[in-house]
Amino acid sequence: MIILNDLRGKEFALNCDLIETISENPDTTMLLTNGRIYIVRESMQEVIDKTIEYHRTIQRGIV
């Protein structure tokens, strides 16, 4: 799970394994494999970086 902020600034946790696509137009929009769409304040690169760090943490066995 990664922590993101919706457009109103409210934090929420997202299962990043469900992200199918991410685009910036100009808001960062994510389409999940279950068909849900999320629009967040973070940039596309920030979401990618958080996802990479999450998977690194899992591989190290920290979580």
PDB file of N, CA and C in Angstrom:
ATOM      1  N   MET A   1       0.838  -1.176   0.000  1.00  0.00           N
ATOM      2  CA  MET A   1       0.000   0.000   0.000  1.00  0.00           C
ATOM      3  C   MET A   1       0.889   1.246   0.000  1.00  0.00           C
ATOM      4  N   ILE A   2       0.460   2.233  -0.775  1.00  0.00           N
ATOM      5  CA  ILE A   2       1.157   3.511  -0.783  1.00  0.00           C
ATOM      6  C   ILE A   2       0.167   4.585  -0.332  1.00  0.00           C
ATOM      7  N   ILE A   3       0.696   5.640   0.297  1.00  0.00           N
ATOM      8  CA  ILE A   3      -0.130   6.734   0.785  1.00  0.00           C
ATOM      9  C   ILE A   3      -0.133   7.838  -0.264  1.00  0.00           C
ATOM     10  N   LEU A   4      -1.349   8.247  -0.669  1.00  0.00           N
ATOM     11  CA  LEU A   4      -1.527   9.305  -1.655  1.00  0.00           C
ATOM     12  C   LEU A   4      -2.528  10.319  -1.125  1.00  0.00           C
ATOM     13  N   ASN A   5      -2.677  11.431  -1.841  1.00  0.00           N
ATOM     14  CA  ASN A   5      -3.633  12.473  -1.479  1.00  0.00           C
ATOM     15  C   ASN A   5      -4.588  12.711  -2.628  1.00  0.00           C
ATOM     16  N   ASP A   6      -5.895  12.752  -2.311  1.00  0.00           N
ATOM     17  CA  ASP A   6      -6.856  13.086  -3.360  1.00  0.00           C
ATOM     18  C   ASP A   6      -6.777  14.588  -3.636  1.00  0.00           C
ATOM     19  N   LEU A   7      -7.570  15.082  -4.547  1.00  0.00           N
ATOM     20  CA  LEU A   7      -7.488  16.489  -4.933  1.00  0.00           C
ATOM     21  C   LEU A   7      -7.880  17.444  -3.814  1.00  0.00           C
ATOM     22  N   ARG A   8      -8.615  16.964  -2.835  1.00  0.00           N
ATOM     23  CA  ARG A   8      -8.976  17.797  -1.679  1.00  0.00           C
ATOM     24  C   ARG A   8      -7.919  17.749  -0.584  1.00  0.00           C
ATOM     25  N   GLY A   9      -6.881  16.926  -0.776  1.00  0.00           N
ATOM     26  CA  GLY A   9      -5.809  16.825   0.205  1.00  0.00           C
ATOM     27  C   GLY A   9      -5.997  15.721   1.221  1.00  0.00           C
ATOM     28  N   LYS A  10      -7.046  14.923   1.093  1.00  0.00           N
ATOM     29  CA  LYS A  10      -7.304  13.834   2.032  1.00  0.00           C
ATOM     30  C   LYS A  10      -6.416  12.641   1.689  1.00  0.00           C
ATOM     31  N   GLU A  11      -5.695  12.152   2.707  1.00  0.00           N
ATOM     32  CA  GLU A  11      -4.820  10.996   2.518  1.00  0.00           C
ATOM     33  C   GLU A  11      -5.612   9.708   2.426  1.00  0.00           C
ATOM     34  N   PHE A  12      -5.117   8.790   1.605  1.00  0.00           N
ATOM     35  CA  PHE A  12      -5.690   7.452   1.547  1.00  0.00           C
ATOM     36  C   PHE A  12      -4.599   6.476   1.127  1.00  0.00           C
ATOM     37  N   ALA A  13      -4.806   5.219   1.452  1.00  0.00           N
ATOM     38  CA  ALA A  13      -3.857   4.168   1.089  1.00  0.00           C
ATOM     39  C   ALA A  13      -4.388   3.443  -0.136  1.00  0.00           C
ATOM     40  N   LEU A  14      -3.499   3.181  -1.091  1.00  0.00           N
ATOM     41  CA  LEU A  14      -3.876   2.520  -2.330  1.00  0.00           C
ATOM     42  C   LEU A  14      -3.029   1.271  -2.519  1.00  0.00           C
ATOM     43  N   ASN A  15      -3.667   0.191  -2.891  1.00  0.00           N
ATOM     44  CA  ASN A  15      -2.942  -1.025  -3.235  1.00  0.00           C
ATOM     45  C   ASN A  15      -2.309  -0.797  -4.608  1.00  0.00           C
ATOM     46  N   CYS A  16      -1.022  -0.486  -4.618  1.00  0.00           N
ATOM     47  CA  CYS A  16      -0.348  -0.115  -5.862  1.00  0.00           C
ATOM     48  C   CYS A  16      -0.227  -1.278  -6.843  1.00  0.00           C
ATOM     49  N   ASP A  17      -0.450  -2.499  -6.391  1.00  0.00           N
ATOM     50  CA  ASP A  17      -0.417  -3.642  -7.307  1.00  0.00           C
ATOM     51  C   ASP A  17      -1.616  -3.646  -8.255  1.00  0.00           C
ATOM     52  N   LEU A  18      -2.621  -2.820  -7.966  1.00  0.00           N
ATOM     53  CA  LEU A  18      -3.812  -2.757  -8.814  1.00  0.00           C
ATOM     54  C   LEU A  18      -3.722  -1.683  -9.898  1.00  0.00           C
ATOM     55  N   ILE A  19      -2.638  -0.885  -9.909  1.00  0.00           N
ATOM     56  CA  ILE A  19      -2.512   0.182 -10.897  1.00  0.00           C
ATOM     57  C   ILE A  19      -2.241  -0.427 -12.269  1.00  0.00           C
ATOM     58  N   GLU A  20      -3.097  -0.086 -13.217  1.00  0.00           N
ATOM     59  CA  GLU A  20      -2.921  -0.543 -14.596  1.00  0.00           C
ATOM     60  C   GLU A  20      -2.240   0.533 -15.437  1.00  0.00           C
ATOM     61  N   THR A  21      -2.738   1.769 -15.355  1.00  0.00           N
ATOM     62  CA  THR A  21      -2.119   2.881 -16.082  1.00  0.00           C
ATOM     63  C   THR A  21      -2.124   4.132 -15.216  1.00  0.00           C
ATOM     64  N   ILE A  22      -1.155   5.015 -15.493  1.00  0.00           N
ATOM     65  CA  ILE A  22      -1.065   6.321 -14.847  1.00  0.00           C
ATOM     66  C   ILE A  22      -0.862   7.339 -15.955  1.00  0.00           C
ATOM     67  N   SER A  23      -1.596   8.454 -15.878  1.00  0.00           N
ATOM     68  CA  SER A  23      -1.392   9.524 -16.851  1.00  0.00           C
ATOM     69  C   SER A  23      -1.494  10.870 -16.146  1.00  0.00           C
ATOM     70  N   GLU A  24      -0.912  11.888 -16.767  1.00  0.00           N
ATOM     71  CA  GLU A  24      -1.012  13.260 -16.271  1.00  0.00           C
ATOM     72  C   GLU A  24      -1.686  14.088 -17.351  1.00  0.00           C
ATOM     73  N   ASN A  25      -2.836  14.678 -17.016  1.00  0.00           N
ATOM     74  CA  ASN A  25      -3.572  15.418 -18.038  1.00  0.00           C
ATOM     75  C   ASN A  25      -4.419  16.541 -17.467  1.00  0.00           C
ATOM     76  N   PRO A  26      -3.998  17.552 -16.790  1.00  0.00           N
ATOM     77  CA  PRO A  26      -2.745  17.703 -16.059  1.00  0.00           C
ATOM     78  C   PRO A  26      -2.753  16.978 -14.717  1.00  0.00           C
ATOM     79  N   ASP A  27      -3.940  16.630 -14.175  1.00  0.00           N
ATOM     80  CA  ASP A  27      -3.977  15.894 -12.908  1.00  0.00           C
ATOM     81  C   ASP A  27      -3.524  14.460 -13.130  1.00  0.00           C
ATOM     82  N   THR A  28      -2.893  13.890 -12.117  1.00  0.00           N
ATOM     83  CA  THR A  28      -2.448  12.502 -12.199  1.00  0.00           C
ATOM     84  C   THR A  28      -3.657  11.592 -12.014  1.00  0.00           C
ATOM     85  N   THR A  29      -3.917  10.794 -13.035  1.00  0.00           N
ATOM     86  CA  THR A  29      -5.070   9.909 -13.058  1.00  0.00           C
ATOM     87  C   THR A  29      -4.600   8.470 -13.164  1.00  0.00           C
ATOM     88  N   MET A  30      -5.126   7.621 -12.284  1.00  0.00           N
ATOM     89  CA  MET A  30      -4.749   6.209 -12.293  1.00  0.00           C
ATOM     90  C   MET A  30      -5.967   5.358 -12.587  1.00  0.00           C
ATOM     91  N   LEU A  31      -5.821   4.438 -13.508  1.00  0.00           N
ATOM     92  CA  LEU A  31      -6.841   3.439 -13.789  1.00  0.00           C
ATOM     93  C   LEU A  31      -6.375   2.148 -13.136  1.00  0.00           C
ATOM     94  N   LEU A  32      -7.236   1.562 -12.318  1.00  0.00           N
ATOM     95  CA  LEU A  32      -6.891   0.314 -11.643  1.00  0.00           C
ATOM     96  C   LEU A  32      -7.425  -0.868 -12.423  1.00  0.00           C
ATOM     97  N   THR A  33      -6.899  -2.042 -12.131  1.00  0.00           N
ATOM     98  CA  THR A  33      -7.322  -3.250 -12.837  1.00  0.00           C
ATOM     99  C   THR A  33      -8.779  -3.604 -12.571  1.00  0.00           C
ATOM    100  N   ASN A  34      -9.352  -3.071 -11.480  1.00  0.00           N
ATOM    101  CA  ASN A  34     -10.761  -3.334 -11.176  1.00  0.00           C
ATOM    102  C   ASN A  34     -11.689  -2.305 -11.824  1.00  0.00           C
ATOM    103  N   GLY A  35     -11.141  -1.398 -12.640  1.00  0.00           N
ATOM    104  CA  GLY A  35     -11.930  -0.415 -13.350  1.00  0.00           C
ATOM    105  C   GLY A  35     -12.107   0.917 -12.631  1.00  0.00           C
ATOM    106  N   ARG A  36     -11.692   0.997 -11.370  1.00  0.00           N
ATOM    107  CA  ARG A  36     -11.816   2.251 -10.620  1.00  0.00           C
ATOM    108  C   ARG A  36     -10.786   3.255 -11.102  1.00  0.00           C
ATOM    109  N   ILE A  37     -11.131   4.521 -11.006  1.00  0.00           N
ATOM    110  CA  ILE A  37     -10.242   5.608 -11.404  1.00  0.00           C
ATOM    111  C   ILE A  37      -9.990   6.487 -10.192  1.00  0.00           C
ATOM    112  N   TYR A  38      -8.725   6.829  -9.968  1.00  0.00           N
ATOM    113  CA  TYR A  38      -8.342   7.728  -8.890  1.00  0.00           C
ATOM    114  C   TYR A  38      -7.577   8.897  -9.481  1.00  0.00           C
ATOM    115  N   ILE A  39      -7.888  10.107  -8.996  1.00  0.00           N
ATOM    116  CA  ILE A  39      -7.160  11.311  -9.376  1.00  0.00           C
ATOM    117  C   ILE A  39      -6.489  11.824  -8.111  1.00  0.00           C
ATOM    118  N   VAL A  40      -5.160  12.036  -8.187  1.00  0.00           N
ATOM    119  CA  VAL A  40      -4.391  12.378  -6.999  1.00  0.00           C
ATOM    120  C   VAL A  40      -3.547  13.627  -7.226  1.00  0.00           C
ATOM    121  N   ARG A  41      -3.083  14.212  -6.113  1.00  0.00           N
ATOM    122  CA  ARG A  41      -2.236  15.406  -6.158  1.00  0.00           C
ATOM    123  C   ARG A  41      -0.807  15.094  -6.582  1.00  0.00           C
ATOM    124  N   GLU A  42      -0.331  13.911  -6.259  1.00  0.00           N
ATOM    125  CA  GLU A  42       1.053  13.550  -6.572  1.00  0.00           C
ATOM    126  C   GLU A  42       1.252  13.475  -8.087  1.00  0.00           C
ATOM    127  N   SER A  43       2.481  13.730  -8.499  1.00  0.00           N
ATOM    128  CA  SER A  43       2.807  13.603  -9.923  1.00  0.00           C
ATOM    129  C   SER A  43       2.898  12.121 -10.286  1.00  0.00           C
ATOM    130  N   MET A  44       2.882  11.856 -11.577  1.00  0.00           N
ATOM    131  CA  MET A  44       3.024  10.482 -12.045  1.00  0.00           C
ATOM    132  C   MET A  44       4.342   9.889 -11.535  1.00  0.00           C
ATOM    133  N   GLN A  45       5.409  10.671 -11.590  1.00  0.00           N
ATOM    134  CA  GLN A  45       6.710  10.171 -11.141  1.00  0.00           C
ATOM    135  C   GLN A  45       6.713   9.875  -9.643  1.00  0.00           C
ATOM    136  N   GLU A  46       6.024  10.696  -8.850  1.00  0.00           N
ATOM    137  CA  GLU A  46       5.946  10.438  -7.412  1.00  0.00           C
ATOM    138  C   GLU A  46       5.223   9.125  -7.132  1.00  0.00           C
ATOM    139  N   VAL A  47       4.144   8.853  -7.852  1.00  0.00           N
ATOM    140  CA  VAL A  47       3.415   7.591  -7.673  1.00  0.00           C
ATOM    141  C   VAL A  47       4.320   6.418  -8.056  1.00  0.00           C
ATOM    142  N   ILE A  48       5.037   6.543  -9.158  1.00  0.00           N
ATOM    143  CA  ILE A  48       5.963   5.487  -9.582  1.00  0.00           C
ATOM    144  C   ILE A  48       7.042   5.279  -8.533  1.00  0.00           C
ATOM    145  N   ASP A  49       7.628   6.369  -8.027  1.00  0.00           N
ATOM    146  CA  ASP A  49       8.682   6.257  -7.005  1.00  0.00           C
ATOM    147  C   ASP A  49       8.159   5.597  -5.735  1.00  0.00           C
ATOM    148  N   LYS A  50       6.952   5.949  -5.299  1.00  0.00           N
ATOM    149  CA  LYS A  50       6.366   5.330  -4.099  1.00  0.00           C
ATOM    150  C   LYS A  50       6.119   3.838  -4.327  1.00  0.00           C
ATOM    151  N   THR A  51       5.691   3.489  -5.525  1.00  0.00           N
ATOM    152  CA  THR A  51       5.442   2.087  -5.852  1.00  0.00           C
ATOM    153  C   THR A  51       6.741   1.291  -5.844  1.00  0.00           C
ATOM    154  N   ILE A  52       7.784   1.854  -6.434  1.00  0.00           N
ATOM    155  CA  ILE A  52       9.091   1.191  -6.444  1.00  0.00           C
ATOM    156  C   ILE A  52       9.597   1.005  -5.017  1.00  0.00           C
ATOM    157  N   GLU A  53       9.508   2.049  -4.192  1.00  0.00           N
ATOM    158  CA  GLU A  53       9.978   1.949  -2.806  1.00  0.00           C
ATOM    159  C   GLU A  53       9.173   0.912  -2.027  1.00  0.00           C
ATOM    160  N   TYR A  54       7.872   0.854  -2.250  1.00  0.00           N
ATOM    161  CA  TYR A  54       7.028  -0.146  -1.600  1.00  0.00           C
ATOM    162  C   TYR A  54       7.506  -1.560  -1.954  1.00  0.00           C
ATOM    163  N   HIS A  55       7.757  -1.814  -3.229  1.00  0.00           N
ATOM    164  CA  HIS A  55       8.189  -3.144  -3.652  1.00  0.00           C
ATOM    165  C   HIS A  55       9.592  -3.472  -3.137  1.00  0.00           C
ATOM    166  N   ARG A  56      10.460  -2.484  -3.054  1.00  0.00           N
ATOM    167  CA  ARG A  56      11.794  -2.703  -2.463  1.00  0.00           C
ATOM    168  C   ARG A  56      11.663  -3.098  -0.991  1.00  0.00           C
ATOM    169  N   THR A  57      10.763  -2.427  -0.284  1.00  0.00           N
ATOM    170  CA  THR A  57      10.544  -2.728   1.126  1.00  0.00           C
ATOM    171  C   THR A  57      10.040  -4.161   1.288  1.00  0.00           C
ATOM    172  N   ILE A  58       9.114  -4.562   0.440  1.00  0.00           N
ATOM    173  CA  ILE A  58       8.584  -5.939   0.492  1.00  0.00           C
ATOM    174  C   ILE A  58       9.692  -6.946   0.235  1.00  0.00           C
ATOM    175  N   GLN A  59      10.523  -6.670  -0.754  1.00  0.00           N
ATOM    176  CA  GLN A  59      11.605  -7.615  -1.108  1.00  0.00           C
ATOM    177  C   GLN A  59      12.615  -7.748   0.035  1.00  0.00           C
ATOM    178  N   ARG A  60      12.834  -6.659   0.777  1.00  0.00           N
ATOM    179  CA  ARG A  60      13.757  -6.715   1.916  1.00  0.00           C
ATOM    180  C   ARG A  60      13.127  -7.408   3.117  1.00  0.00           C
ATOM    181  N   GLY A  61      11.818  -7.630   3.069  1.00  0.00           N
ATOM    182  CA  GLY A  61      11.133  -8.305   4.172  1.00  0.00           C
ATOM    183  C   GLY A  61      10.861  -7.400   5.350  1.00  0.00           C
ATOM    184  N   ILE A  62      10.809  -6.092   5.133  1.00  0.00           N
ATOM    185  CA  ILE A  62      10.610  -5.136   6.220  1.00  0.00           C
ATOM    186  C   ILE A  62       9.148  -5.062   6.632  1.00  0.00           C
ATOM    187  N   VAL A  63       8.229  -5.218   5.701  1.00  0.00           N
ATOM    188  CA  VAL A  63       6.807  -5.094   6.029  1.00  0.00           C
ATOM    189  C   VAL A  63       6.275  -6.410   6.522  1.00  0.00           C
TER     190      VAL A  63
END
